[in-house]
Amino acid sequence: VEKGFTLKDIGVVLHAKFHQDFTKIVDKVQVTLYTKKEDV
């Protein structure tokens, strides 16, 4: 947290790594992180 981590960074990681590690089968990655109880 002191370095500035946010939940959005999880989405950034998943987008980047899914493209890097699964290049042949992945063309697009969209990540939504819900933090409201009703949405979760």
PDB file of all heavy atoms in Angstrom:
ATOM      1  N   VAL A   1       0.835  -1.204   0.000  1.00  0.00           N
ATOM      2  CA  VAL A   1       0.000   0.000   0.000  1.00  0.00           C
ATOM      3  C   VAL A   1       0.866   1.248   0.000  1.00  0.00           C
ATOM      4  O   VAL A   1       0.578   2.234  -0.687  1.00  0.00           O
ATOM      5  CB  VAL A   1      -0.955  -0.011   1.207  1.00  0.00           C
ATOM      6  CG1 VAL A   1      -1.760   1.284   1.275  1.00  0.00           C
ATOM      7  CG2 VAL A   1      -1.902  -1.203   1.118  1.00  0.00           C
ATOM      8  N   GLU A   2       1.957   1.213   0.758  1.00  0.00           N
ATOM      9  CA  GLU A   2       2.866   2.358   0.796  1.00  0.00           C
ATOM     10  C   GLU A   2       3.464   2.643  -0.573  1.00  0.00           C
ATOM     11  O   GLU A   2       3.750   3.795  -0.921  1.00  0.00           O
ATOM     12  CB  GLU A   2       3.975   2.107   1.817  1.00  0.00           C
ATOM     13  CG  GLU A   2       3.491   2.140   3.264  1.00  0.00           C
ATOM     14  CD  GLU A   2       4.554   1.673   4.241  1.00  0.00           C
ATOM     15  OE1 GLU A   2       5.672   1.322   3.780  1.00  0.00           O
ATOM     16  OE2 GLU A   2       4.279   1.640   5.452  1.00  0.00           O
ATOM     17  N   LYS A   3       3.639   1.600  -1.375  1.00  0.00           N
ATOM     18  CA  LYS A   3       4.179   1.788  -2.722  1.00  0.00           C
ATOM     19  C   LYS A   3       3.110   2.241  -3.717  1.00  0.00           C
ATOM     20  O   LYS A   3       3.429   2.582  -4.853  1.00  0.00           O
ATOM     21  CB  LYS A   3       4.819   0.487  -3.215  1.00  0.00           C
ATOM     22  CG  LYS A   3       6.109   0.130  -2.495  1.00  0.00           C
ATOM     23  CD  LYS A   3       6.728  -1.132  -3.079  1.00  0.00           C
ATOM     24  CE  LYS A   3       8.057  -1.469  -2.415  1.00  0.00           C
ATOM     25  NZ  LYS A   3       8.673  -2.693  -2.982  1.00  0.00           N
ATOM     26  N   GLY A   4       1.848   2.201  -3.290  1.00  0.00           N
ATOM     27  CA  GLY A   4       0.785   2.672  -4.167  1.00  0.00           C
ATOM     28  C   GLY A   4      -0.067   1.589  -4.782  1.00  0.00           C
ATOM     29  O   GLY A   4      -0.819   1.842  -5.741  1.00  0.00           O
ATOM     30  N   PHE A   5      -0.016   0.354  -4.259  1.00  0.00           N
ATOM     31  CA  PHE A   5      -0.800  -0.744  -4.820  1.00  0.00           C
ATOM     32  C   PHE A   5      -2.299  -0.473  -4.701  1.00  0.00           C
ATOM     33  O   PHE A   5      -2.785   0.009  -3.673  1.00  0.00           O
ATOM     34  CB  PHE A   5      -0.462  -2.049  -4.097  1.00  0.00           C
ATOM     35  CG  PHE A   5      -1.344  -3.198  -4.481  1.00  0.00           C
ATOM     36  CD1 PHE A   5      -1.129  -3.895  -5.655  1.00  0.00           C
ATOM     37  CD2 PHE A   5      -2.413  -3.578  -3.669  1.00  0.00           C
ATOM     38  CE1 PHE A   5      -1.951  -4.951  -6.021  1.00  0.00           C
ATOM     39  CE2 PHE A   5      -3.233  -4.636  -4.018  1.00  0.00           C
ATOM     40  CZ  PHE A   5      -3.007  -5.323  -5.194  1.00  0.00           C
ATOM     41  N   THR A   6      -3.031  -0.794  -5.759  1.00  0.00           N
ATOM     42  CA  THR A   6      -4.495  -0.733  -5.755  1.00  0.00           C
ATOM     43  C   THR A   6      -5.035  -2.028  -6.354  1.00  0.00           C
ATOM     44  O   THR A   6      -4.296  -2.795  -6.998  1.00  0.00           O
ATOM     45  CB  THR A   6      -5.022   0.455  -6.576  1.00  0.00           C
ATOM     46  OG1 THR A   6      -4.719   0.231  -7.963  1.00  0.00           O
ATOM     47  CG2 THR A   6      -4.398   1.764  -6.116  1.00  0.00           C
ATOM     48  N   LEU A   7      -6.324  -2.270  -6.180  1.00  0.00           N
ATOM     49  CA  LEU A   7      -6.931  -3.468  -6.750  1.00  0.00           C
ATOM     50  C   LEU A   7      -6.840  -3.461  -8.274  1.00  0.00           C
ATOM     51  O   LEU A   7      -6.784  -4.524  -8.908  1.00  0.00           O
ATOM     52  CB  LEU A   7      -8.390  -3.574  -6.304  1.00  0.00           C
ATOM     53  CG  LEU A   7      -8.618  -3.837  -4.812  1.00  0.00           C
ATOM     54  CD1 LEU A   7     -10.106  -3.844  -4.500  1.00  0.00           C
ATOM     55  CD2 LEU A   7      -7.981  -5.155  -4.382  1.00  0.00           C
ATOM     56  N   LYS A   8      -6.823  -2.292  -8.857  1.00  0.00           N
ATOM     57  CA  LYS A   8      -6.709  -2.208 -10.313  1.00  0.00           C
ATOM     58  C   LYS A   8      -5.433  -2.885 -10.809  1.00  0.00           C
ATOM     59  O   LYS A   8      -5.386  -3.412 -11.922  1.00  0.00           O
ATOM     60  CB  LYS A   8      -6.744  -0.745 -10.760  1.00  0.00           C
ATOM     61  CG  LYS A   8      -6.753  -0.572 -12.282  1.00  0.00           C
ATOM     62  CD  LYS A   8      -6.905   0.898 -12.689  1.00  0.00           C
ATOM     63  CE  LYS A   8      -6.934   1.020 -14.212  1.00  0.00           C
ATOM     64  NZ  LYS A   8      -7.103   2.420 -14.659  1.00  0.00           N
ATOM     65  N   ASP A   9      -4.381  -2.877  -9.977  1.00  0.00           N
ATOM     66  CA  ASP A   9      -3.118  -3.496 -10.378  1.00  0.00           C
ATOM     67  C   ASP A   9      -3.282  -4.998 -10.623  1.00  0.00           C
ATOM     68  O   ASP A   9      -2.547  -5.585 -11.420  1.00  0.00           O
ATOM     69  CB  ASP A   9      -2.045  -3.246  -9.320  1.00  0.00           C
ATOM     70  CG  ASP A   9      -1.680  -1.769  -9.211  1.00  0.00           C
ATOM     71  OD1 ASP A   9      -1.673  -1.088 -10.252  1.00  0.00           O
ATOM     72  OD2 ASP A   9      -1.418  -1.301  -8.087  1.00  0.00           O
ATOM     73  N   ILE A  10      -4.228  -5.628  -9.921  1.00  0.00           N
ATOM     74  CA  ILE A  10      -4.507  -7.043 -10.176  1.00  0.00           C
ATOM     75  C   ILE A  10      -4.980  -7.215 -11.616  1.00  0.00           C
ATOM     76  O   ILE A  10      -4.535  -8.121 -12.336  1.00  0.00           O
ATOM     77  CB  ILE A  10      -5.561  -7.576  -9.187  1.00  0.00           C
ATOM     78  CG1 ILE A  10      -4.996  -7.591  -7.767  1.00  0.00           C
ATOM     79  CG2 ILE A  10      -6.039  -8.969  -9.595  1.00  0.00           C
ATOM     80  CD1 ILE A  10      -6.005  -7.993  -6.707  1.00  0.00           C
ATOM     81  N   GLY A  11      -5.874  -6.352 -12.049  1.00  0.00           N
ATOM     82  CA  GLY A  11      -6.348  -6.411 -13.425  1.00  0.00           C
ATOM     83  C   GLY A  11      -5.248  -6.152 -14.432  1.00  0.00           C
ATOM     84  O   GLY A  11      -5.194  -6.796 -15.489  1.00  0.00           O
ATOM     85  N   VAL A  12      -4.353  -5.219 -14.111  1.00  0.00           N
ATOM     86  CA  VAL A  12      -3.228  -4.920 -15.005  1.00  0.00           C
ATOM     87  C   VAL A  12      -2.344  -6.157 -15.171  1.00  0.00           C
ATOM     88  O   VAL A  12      -1.910  -6.499 -16.279  1.00  0.00           O
ATOM     89  CB  VAL A  12      -2.409  -3.732 -14.451  1.00  0.00           C
ATOM     90  CG1 VAL A  12      -1.126  -3.541 -15.260  1.00  0.00           C
ATOM     91  CG2 VAL A  12      -3.243  -2.452 -14.476  1.00  0.00           C
ATOM     92  N   VAL A  13      -2.080  -6.847 -14.055  1.00  0.00           N
ATOM     93  CA  VAL A  13      -1.253  -8.058 -14.090  1.00  0.00           C
ATOM     94  C   VAL A  13      -1.923  -9.150 -14.915  1.00  0.00           C
ATOM     95  O   VAL A  13      -1.290  -9.777 -15.785  1.00  0.00           O
ATOM     96  CB  VAL A  13      -0.975  -8.556 -12.656  1.00  0.00           C
ATOM     97  CG1 VAL A  13      -0.435  -9.990 -12.671  1.00  0.00           C
ATOM     98  CG2 VAL A  13       0.011  -7.637 -11.959  1.00  0.00           C
ATOM     99  N   LEU A  14      -3.191  -9.419 -14.655  1.00  0.00           N
ATOM    100  CA  LEU A  14      -3.890 -10.486 -15.369  1.00  0.00           C
ATOM    101  C   LEU A  14      -3.963 -10.184 -16.864  1.00  0.00           C
ATOM    102  O   LEU A  14      -3.751 -11.087 -17.699  1.00  0.00           O
ATOM    103  CB  LEU A  14      -5.291 -10.672 -14.790  1.00  0.00           C
ATOM    104  CG  LEU A  14      -5.352 -11.161 -13.333  1.00  0.00           C
ATOM    105  CD1 LEU A  14      -6.796 -11.275 -12.873  1.00  0.00           C
ATOM    106  CD2 LEU A  14      -4.637 -12.493 -13.167  1.00  0.00           C
ATOM    107  N   HIS A  15      -4.220  -8.956 -17.229  1.00  0.00           N
ATOM    108  CA  HIS A  15      -4.259  -8.596 -18.649  1.00  0.00           C
ATOM    109  C   HIS A  15      -2.909  -8.848 -19.307  1.00  0.00           C
ATOM    110  O   HIS A  15      -2.813  -9.491 -20.367  1.00  0.00           O
ATOM    111  CB  HIS A  15      -4.659  -7.121 -18.806  1.00  0.00           C
ATOM    112  CG  HIS A  15      -4.474  -6.604 -20.200  1.00  0.00           C
ATOM    113  ND1 HIS A  15      -3.359  -5.863 -20.576  1.00  0.00           N
ATOM    114  CD2 HIS A  15      -5.238  -6.738 -21.317  1.00  0.00           C
ATOM    115  CE1 HIS A  15      -3.456  -5.575 -21.860  1.00  0.00           C
ATOM    116  NE2 HIS A  15      -4.581  -6.073 -22.333  1.00  0.00           N
ATOM    117  N   ALA A  16      -1.848  -8.368 -18.682  1.00  0.00           N
ATOM    118  CA  ALA A  16      -0.510  -8.493 -19.278  1.00  0.00           C
ATOM    119  C   ALA A  16      -0.064  -9.953 -19.366  1.00  0.00           C
ATOM    120  O   ALA A  16       0.420 -10.411 -20.410  1.00  0.00           O
ATOM    121  CB  ALA A  16       0.487  -7.677 -18.463  1.00  0.00           C
ATOM    122  N   LYS A  17      -0.226 -10.694 -18.275  1.00  0.00           N
ATOM    123  CA  LYS A  17       0.296 -12.061 -18.241  1.00  0.00           C
ATOM    124  C   LYS A  17      -0.529 -13.019 -19.091  1.00  0.00           C
ATOM    125  O   LYS A  17       0.024 -13.957 -19.685  1.00  0.00           O
ATOM    126  CB  LYS A  17       0.360 -12.556 -16.796  1.00  0.00           C
ATOM    127  CG  LYS A  17       1.412 -11.841 -15.955  1.00  0.00           C
ATOM    128  CD  LYS A  17       2.819 -11.979 -16.544  1.00  0.00           C
ATOM    129  CE  LYS A  17       3.348 -13.388 -16.431  1.00  0.00           C
ATOM    130  NZ  LYS A  17       4.722 -13.519 -16.993  1.00  0.00           N
ATOM    131  N   PHE A  18      -1.826 -12.820 -19.154  1.00  0.00           N
ATOM    132  CA  PHE A  18      -2.619 -13.687 -20.029  1.00  0.00           C
ATOM    133  C   PHE A  18      -2.215 -13.483 -21.481  1.00  0.00           C
ATOM    134  O   PHE A  18      -2.154 -14.441 -22.262  1.00  0.00           O
ATOM    135  CB  PHE A  18      -4.115 -13.416 -19.848  1.00  0.00           C
ATOM    136  CG  PHE A  18      -4.705 -14.020 -18.591  1.00  0.00           C
ATOM    137  CD1 PHE A  18      -5.964 -13.651 -18.160  1.00  0.00           C
ATOM    138  CD2 PHE A  18      -4.007 -14.956 -17.849  1.00  0.00           C
ATOM    139  CE1 PHE A  18      -6.519 -14.205 -17.006  1.00  0.00           C
ATOM    140  CE2 PHE A  18      -4.539 -15.517 -16.693  1.00  0.00           C
ATOM    141  CZ  PHE A  18      -5.804 -15.140 -16.271  1.00  0.00           C
ATOM    142  N   HIS A  19      -1.923 -12.249 -21.862  1.00  0.00           N
ATOM    143  CA  HIS A  19      -1.429 -12.005 -23.223  1.00  0.00           C
ATOM    144  C   HIS A  19      -0.050 -12.626 -23.424  1.00  0.00           C
ATOM    145  O   HIS A  19       0.228 -13.228 -24.465  1.00  0.00           O
ATOM    146  CB  HIS A  19      -1.376 -10.502 -23.502  1.00  0.00           C
ATOM    147  CG  HIS A  19      -2.649  -9.939 -24.058  1.00  0.00           C
ATOM    148  ND1 HIS A  19      -3.132 -10.287 -25.292  1.00  0.00           N
ATOM    149  CD2 HIS A  19      -3.541  -9.044 -23.552  1.00  0.00           C
ATOM    150  CE1 HIS A  19      -4.266  -9.646 -25.537  1.00  0.00           C
ATOM    151  NE2 HIS A  19      -4.546  -8.876 -24.482  1.00  0.00           N
ATOM    152  N   GLN A  20       0.827 -12.483 -22.438  1.00  0.00           N
ATOM    153  CA  GLN A  20       2.196 -12.997 -22.573  1.00  0.00           C
ATOM    154  C   GLN A  20       2.237 -14.522 -22.590  1.00  0.00           C
ATOM    155  O   GLN A  20       2.944 -15.137 -23.393  1.00  0.00           O
ATOM    156  CB  GLN A  20       3.067 -12.483 -21.428  1.00  0.00           C
ATOM    157  CG  GLN A  20       3.366 -10.995 -21.484  1.00  0.00           C
ATOM    158  CD  GLN A  20       4.058 -10.507 -20.233  1.00  0.00           C
ATOM    159  OE1 GLN A  20       4.491 -11.292 -19.401  1.00  0.00           O
ATOM    160  NE2 GLN A  20       4.147  -9.195 -20.070  1.00  0.00           N
ATOM    161  N   ASP A  21       1.481 -15.147 -21.686  1.00  0.00           N
ATOM    162  CA  ASP A  21       1.601 -16.592 -21.492  1.00  0.00           C
ATOM    163  C   ASP A  21       0.664 -17.407 -22.382  1.00  0.00           C
ATOM    164  O   ASP A  21       0.869 -18.602 -22.559  1.00  0.00           O
ATOM    165  CB  ASP A  21       1.317 -16.946 -20.027  1.00  0.00           C
ATOM    166  CG  ASP A  21       2.323 -16.312 -19.066  1.00  0.00           C
ATOM    167  OD1 ASP A  21       3.380 -15.846 -19.546  1.00  0.00           O
ATOM    168  OD2 ASP A  21       2.060 -16.283 -17.853  1.00  0.00           O
ATOM    169  N   PHE A  22      -0.380 -16.775 -22.907  1.00  0.00           N
ATOM    170  CA  PHE A  22      -1.366 -17.504 -23.700  1.00  0.00           C
ATOM    171  C   PHE A  22      -1.610 -16.798 -25.037  1.00  0.00           C
ATOM    172  O   PHE A  22      -2.746 -16.636 -25.476  1.00  0.00           O
ATOM    173  CB  PHE A  22      -2.681 -17.634 -22.923  1.00  0.00           C
ATOM    174  CG  PHE A  22      -2.541 -18.406 -21.637  1.00  0.00           C
ATOM    175  CD1 PHE A  22      -2.261 -17.751 -20.444  1.00  0.00           C
ATOM    176  CD2 PHE A  22      -2.671 -19.788 -21.620  1.00  0.00           C
ATOM    177  CE1 PHE A  22      -2.121 -18.454 -19.261  1.00  0.00           C
ATOM    178  CE2 PHE A  22      -2.535 -20.501 -20.440  1.00  0.00           C
ATOM    179  CZ  PHE A  22      -2.258 -19.837 -19.254  1.00  0.00           C
ATOM    180  N   THR A  23      -0.525 -16.410 -25.660  1.00  0.00           N
ATOM    181  CA  THR A  23      -0.597 -15.597 -26.872  1.00  0.00           C
ATOM    182  C   THR A  23      -1.455 -16.227 -27.962  1.00  0.00           C
ATOM    183  O   THR A  23      -2.239 -15.534 -28.628  1.00  0.00           O
ATOM    184  CB  THR A  23       0.820 -15.342 -27.416  1.00  0.00           C
ATOM    185  OG1 THR A  23       1.608 -14.734 -26.397  1.00  0.00           O
ATOM    186  CG2 THR A  23       0.775 -14.453 -28.638  1.00  0.00           C
ATOM    187  N   LYS A  24      -1.334 -17.532 -28.139  1.00  0.00           N
ATOM    188  CA  LYS A  24      -2.004 -18.180 -29.272  1.00  0.00           C
ATOM    189  C   LYS A  24      -3.521 -18.163 -29.150  1.00  0.00           C
ATOM    190  O   LYS A  24      -4.232 -18.085 -30.152  1.00  0.00           O
ATOM    191  CB  LYS A  24      -1.513 -19.623 -29.417  1.00  0.00           C
ATOM    192  CG  LYS A  24      -2.105 -20.342 -30.613  1.00  0.00           C
ATOM    193  CD  LYS A  24      -1.491 -21.705 -30.807  1.00  0.00           C
ATOM    194  CE  LYS A  24      -2.193 -22.476 -31.926  1.00  0.00           C
ATOM    195  NZ  LYS A  24      -2.140 -21.772 -33.213  1.00  0.00           N
ATOM    196  N   ILE A  25      -4.030 -18.214 -27.914  1.00  0.00           N
ATOM    197  CA  ILE A  25      -5.477 -18.341 -27.758  1.00  0.00           C
ATOM    198  C   ILE A  25      -6.155 -17.071 -27.258  1.00  0.00           C
ATOM    199  O   ILE A  25      -7.377 -16.988 -27.227  1.00  0.00           O
ATOM    200  CB  ILE A  25      -5.839 -19.510 -26.817  1.00  0.00           C
ATOM    201  CG1 ILE A  25      -5.234 -19.294 -25.427  1.00  0.00           C
ATOM    202  CG2 ILE A  25      -5.396 -20.828 -27.409  1.00  0.00           C
ATOM    203  CD1 ILE A  25      -5.688 -20.310 -24.398  1.00  0.00           C
ATOM    204  N   VAL A  26      -5.375 -16.088 -26.839  1.00  0.00           N
ATOM    205  CA  VAL A  26      -5.945 -14.874 -26.257  1.00  0.00           C
ATOM    206  C   VAL A  26      -5.744 -13.687 -27.195  1.00  0.00           C
ATOM    207  O   VAL A  26      -4.614 -13.373 -27.570  1.00  0.00           O
ATOM    208  CB  VAL A  26      -5.313 -14.575 -24.878  1.00  0.00           C
ATOM    209  CG1 VAL A  26      -5.739 -13.197 -24.378  1.00  0.00           C
ATOM    210  CG2 VAL A  26      -5.705 -15.642 -23.873  1.00  0.00           C
ATOM    211  N   ASP A  27      -6.835 -13.028 -27.544  1.00  0.00           N
ATOM    212  CA  ASP A  27      -6.772 -11.801 -28.344  1.00  0.00           C
ATOM    213  C   ASP A  27      -7.159 -10.575 -27.532  1.00  0.00           C
ATOM    214  O   ASP A  27      -6.606  -9.502 -27.715  1.00  0.00           O
ATOM    215  CB  ASP A  27      -7.687 -11.906 -29.569  1.00  0.00           C
ATOM    216  CG  ASP A  27      -7.205 -12.940 -30.559  1.00  0.00           C
ATOM    217  OD1 ASP A  27      -5.979 -13.101 -30.698  1.00  0.00           O
ATOM    218  OD2 ASP A  27      -8.050 -13.602 -31.185  1.00  0.00           O
ATOM    219  N   LYS A  28      -8.133 -10.732 -26.636  1.00  0.00           N
ATOM    220  CA  LYS A  28      -8.593  -9.613 -25.822  1.00  0.00           C
ATOM    221  C   LYS A  28      -8.820 -10.073 -24.384  1.00  0.00           C
ATOM    222  O   LYS A  28      -9.308 -11.180 -24.156  1.00  0.00           O
ATOM    223  CB  LYS A  28      -9.906  -9.028 -26.364  1.00  0.00           C
ATOM    224  CG  LYS A  28      -9.791  -8.251 -27.666  1.00  0.00           C
ATOM    225  CD  LYS A  28     -11.147  -7.649 -28.025  1.00  0.00           C
ATOM    226  CE  LYS A  28     -11.074  -6.755 -29.251  1.00  0.00           C
ATOM    227  NZ  LYS A  28     -12.401  -6.136 -29.544  1.00  0.00           N
ATOM    228  N   VAL A  29      -8.479  -9.181 -23.447  1.00  0.00           N
ATOM    229  CA  VAL A  29      -8.712  -9.456 -22.027  1.00  0.00           C
ATOM    230  C   VAL A  29      -9.284  -8.197 -21.385  1.00  0.00           C
ATOM    231  O   VAL A  29      -8.686  -7.118 -21.484  1.00  0.00           O
ATOM    232  CB  VAL A  29      -7.415  -9.854 -21.289  1.00  0.00           C
ATOM    233  CG1 VAL A  29      -7.701 -10.096 -19.803  1.00  0.00           C
ATOM    234  CG2 VAL A  29      -6.785 -11.089 -21.911  1.00  0.00           C
ATOM    235  N   GLN A  30     -10.420  -8.343 -20.747  1.00  0.00           N
ATOM    236  CA  GLN A  30     -11.027  -7.247 -20.000  1.00  0.00           C
ATOM    237  C   GLN A  30     -11.256  -7.726 -18.567  1.00  0.00           C
ATOM    238  O   GLN A  30     -11.746  -8.834 -18.352  1.00  0.00           O
ATOM    239  CB  GLN A  30     -12.352  -6.825 -20.636  1.00  0.00           C
ATOM    240  CG  GLN A  30     -13.080  -5.706 -19.891  1.00  0.00           C
ATOM    241  CD  GLN A  30     -14.317  -5.233 -20.637  1.00  0.00           C
ATOM    242  OE1 GLN A  30     -14.272  -4.909 -21.825  1.00  0.00           O
ATOM    243  NE2 GLN A  30     -15.464  -5.190 -19.947  1.00  0.00           N
ATOM    244  N   VAL A  31     -10.894  -6.897 -17.596  1.00  0.00           N
ATOM    245  CA  VAL A  31     -10.985  -7.296 -16.191  1.00  0.00           C
ATOM    246  C   VAL A  31     -11.839  -6.290 -15.427  1.00  0.00           C
ATOM    247  O   VAL A  31     -11.603  -5.072 -15.495  1.00  0.00           O
ATOM    248  CB  VAL A  31      -9.593  -7.383 -15.532  1.00  0.00           C
ATOM    249  CG1 VAL A  31      -9.725  -7.907 -14.099  1.00  0.00           C
ATOM    250  CG2 VAL A  31      -8.666  -8.286 -16.339  1.00  0.00           C
ATOM    251  N   THR A  32     -12.823  -6.829 -14.704  1.00  0.00           N
ATOM    252  CA  THR A  32     -13.657  -6.001 -13.834  1.00  0.00           C
ATOM    253  C   THR A  32     -13.541  -6.526 -12.412  1.00  0.00           C
ATOM    254  O   THR A  32     -13.705  -7.729 -12.185  1.00  0.00           O
ATOM    255  CB  THR A  32     -15.125  -6.036 -14.271  1.00  0.00           C
ATOM    256  OG1 THR A  32     -15.215  -5.712 -15.664  1.00  0.00           O
ATOM    257  CG2 THR A  32     -15.943  -5.035 -13.470  1.00  0.00           C
ATOM    258  N   LEU A  33     -13.255  -5.631 -11.468  1.00  0.00           N
ATOM    259  CA  LEU A  33     -13.126  -6.011 -10.063  1.00  0.00           C
ATOM    260  C   LEU A  33     -14.268  -5.363  -9.277  1.00  0.00           C
ATOM    261  O   LEU A  33     -14.356  -4.135  -9.203  1.00  0.00           O
ATOM    262  CB  LEU A  33     -11.769  -5.574  -9.499  1.00  0.00           C
ATOM    263  CG  LEU A  33     -10.567  -6.231 -10.215  1.00  0.00           C
ATOM    264  CD1 LEU A  33      -9.902  -5.221 -11.136  1.00  0.00           C
ATOM    265  CD2 LEU A  33      -9.577  -6.798  -9.225  1.00  0.00           C
ATOM    266  N   TYR A  34     -15.135  -6.186  -8.746  1.00  0.00           N
ATOM    267  CA  TYR A  34     -16.288  -5.710  -7.990  1.00  0.00           C
ATOM    268  C   TYR A  34     -15.981  -5.723  -6.490  1.00  0.00           C
ATOM    269  O   TYR A  34     -15.419  -6.705  -5.980  1.00  0.00           O
ATOM    270  CB  TYR A  34     -17.502  -6.605  -8.241  1.00  0.00           C
ATOM    271  CG  TYR A  34     -17.974  -6.634  -9.676  1.00  0.00           C
ATOM    272  CD1 TYR A  34     -17.726  -7.735 -10.487  1.00  0.00           C
ATOM    273  CD2 TYR A  34     -18.677  -5.569 -10.214  1.00  0.00           C
ATOM    274  CE1 TYR A  34     -18.163  -7.779 -11.804  1.00  0.00           C
ATOM    275  CE2 TYR A  34     -19.118  -5.589 -11.542  1.00  0.00           C
ATOM    276  CZ  TYR A  34     -18.858  -6.703 -12.319  1.00  0.00           C
ATOM    277  OH  TYR A  34     -19.292  -6.727 -13.625  1.00  0.00           O
ATOM    278  N   THR A  35     -16.353  -4.651  -5.788  1.00  0.00           N
ATOM    279  CA  THR A  35     -16.117  -4.601  -4.342  1.00  0.00           C
ATOM    280  C   THR A  35     -17.382  -4.232  -3.553  1.00  0.00           C
ATOM    281  O   THR A  35     -17.310  -4.021  -2.348  1.00  0.00           O
ATOM    282  CB  THR A  35     -14.999  -3.594  -4.002  1.00  0.00           C
ATOM    283  OG1 THR A  35     -15.381  -2.293  -4.470  1.00  0.00           O
ATOM    284  CG2 THR A  35     -13.677  -3.995  -4.635  1.00  0.00           C
ATOM    285  N   LYS A  36     -18.527  -4.171  -4.240  1.00  0.00           N
ATOM    286  CA  LYS A  36     -19.803  -3.975  -3.556  1.00  0.00           C
ATOM    287  C   LYS A  36     -20.451  -5.332  -3.359  1.00  0.00           C
ATOM    288  O   LYS A  36     -20.468  -6.166  -4.272  1.00  0.00           O
ATOM    289  CB  LYS A  36     -20.719  -3.070  -4.370  1.00  0.00           C
ATOM    290  CG  LYS A  36     -20.218  -1.646  -4.549  1.00  0.00           C
ATOM    291  CD  LYS A  36     -21.183  -0.841  -5.414  1.00  0.00           C
ATOM    292  CE  LYS A  36     -20.690   0.585  -5.636  1.00  0.00           C
ATOM    293  NZ  LYS A  36     -21.613   1.345  -6.528  1.00  0.00           N
ATOM    294  N   LYS A  37     -21.012  -5.554  -2.176  1.00  0.00           N
ATOM    295  CA  LYS A  37     -21.532  -6.870  -1.821  1.00  0.00           C
ATOM    296  C   LYS A  37     -22.541  -7.388  -2.832  1.00  0.00           C
ATOM    297  O   LYS A  37     -22.473  -8.564  -3.243  1.00  0.00           O
ATOM    298  CB  LYS A  37     -22.159  -6.841  -0.423  1.00  0.00           C
ATOM    299  CG  LYS A  37     -22.627  -8.206   0.078  1.00  0.00           C
ATOM    300  CD  LYS A  37     -23.188  -8.119   1.476  1.00  0.00           C
ATOM    301  CE  LYS A  37     -23.525  -9.510   2.007  1.00  0.00           C
ATOM    302  NZ  LYS A  37     -24.464 -10.246   1.148  1.00  0.00           N
ATOM    303  N   GLU A  38     -23.460  -6.561  -3.252  1.00  0.00           N
ATOM    304  CA  GLU A  38     -24.495  -7.032  -4.163  1.00  0.00           C
ATOM    305  C   GLU A  38     -23.910  -7.461  -5.516  1.00  0.00           C
ATOM    306  O   GLU A  38     -24.357  -8.445  -6.122  1.00  0.00           O
ATOM    307  CB  GLU A  38     -25.572  -5.962  -4.375  1.00  0.00           C
ATOM    308  CG  GLU A  38     -25.058  -4.623  -4.928  1.00  0.00           C
ATOM    309  CD  GLU A  38     -24.648  -3.643  -3.851  1.00  0.00           C
ATOM    310  OE1 GLU A  38     -24.310  -4.089  -2.723  1.00  0.00           O
ATOM    311  OE2 GLU A  38     -24.663  -2.425  -4.131  1.00  0.00           O
ATOM    312  N   ASP A  39     -22.889  -6.744  -5.967  1.00  0.00           N
ATOM    313  CA  ASP A  39     -22.239  -7.116  -7.228  1.00  0.00           C
ATOM    314  C   ASP A  39     -21.453  -8.420  -7.088  1.00  0.00           C
ATOM    315  O   ASP A  39     -21.464  -9.270  -7.989  1.00  0.00           O
ATOM    316  CB  ASP A  39     -21.305  -5.995  -7.692  1.00  0.00           C
ATOM    317  CG  ASP A  39     -22.053  -4.738  -8.096  1.00  0.00           C
ATOM    318  OD1 ASP A  39     -23.222  -4.850  -8.511  1.00  0.00           O
ATOM    319  OD2 ASP A  39     -21.470  -3.635  -7.985  1.00  0.00           O
ATOM    320  N   VAL A  40     -20.755  -8.555  -5.964  1.00  0.00           N
ATOM    321  CA  VAL A  40     -19.960  -9.765  -5.718  1.00  0.00           C
ATOM    322  C   VAL A  40     -20.877 -10.976  -5.591  1.00  0.00           C
ATOM    323  O   VAL A  40     -20.591 -12.056  -6.130  1.00  0.00           O
ATOM    324  CB  VAL A  40     -19.083  -9.595  -4.466  1.00  0.00           C
ATOM    325  CG1 VAL A  40     -18.346 -10.900  -4.153  1.00  0.00           C
ATOM    326  CG2 VAL A  40     -18.077  -8.466  -4.667  1.00  0.00           C
TER     327      VAL A  40
END
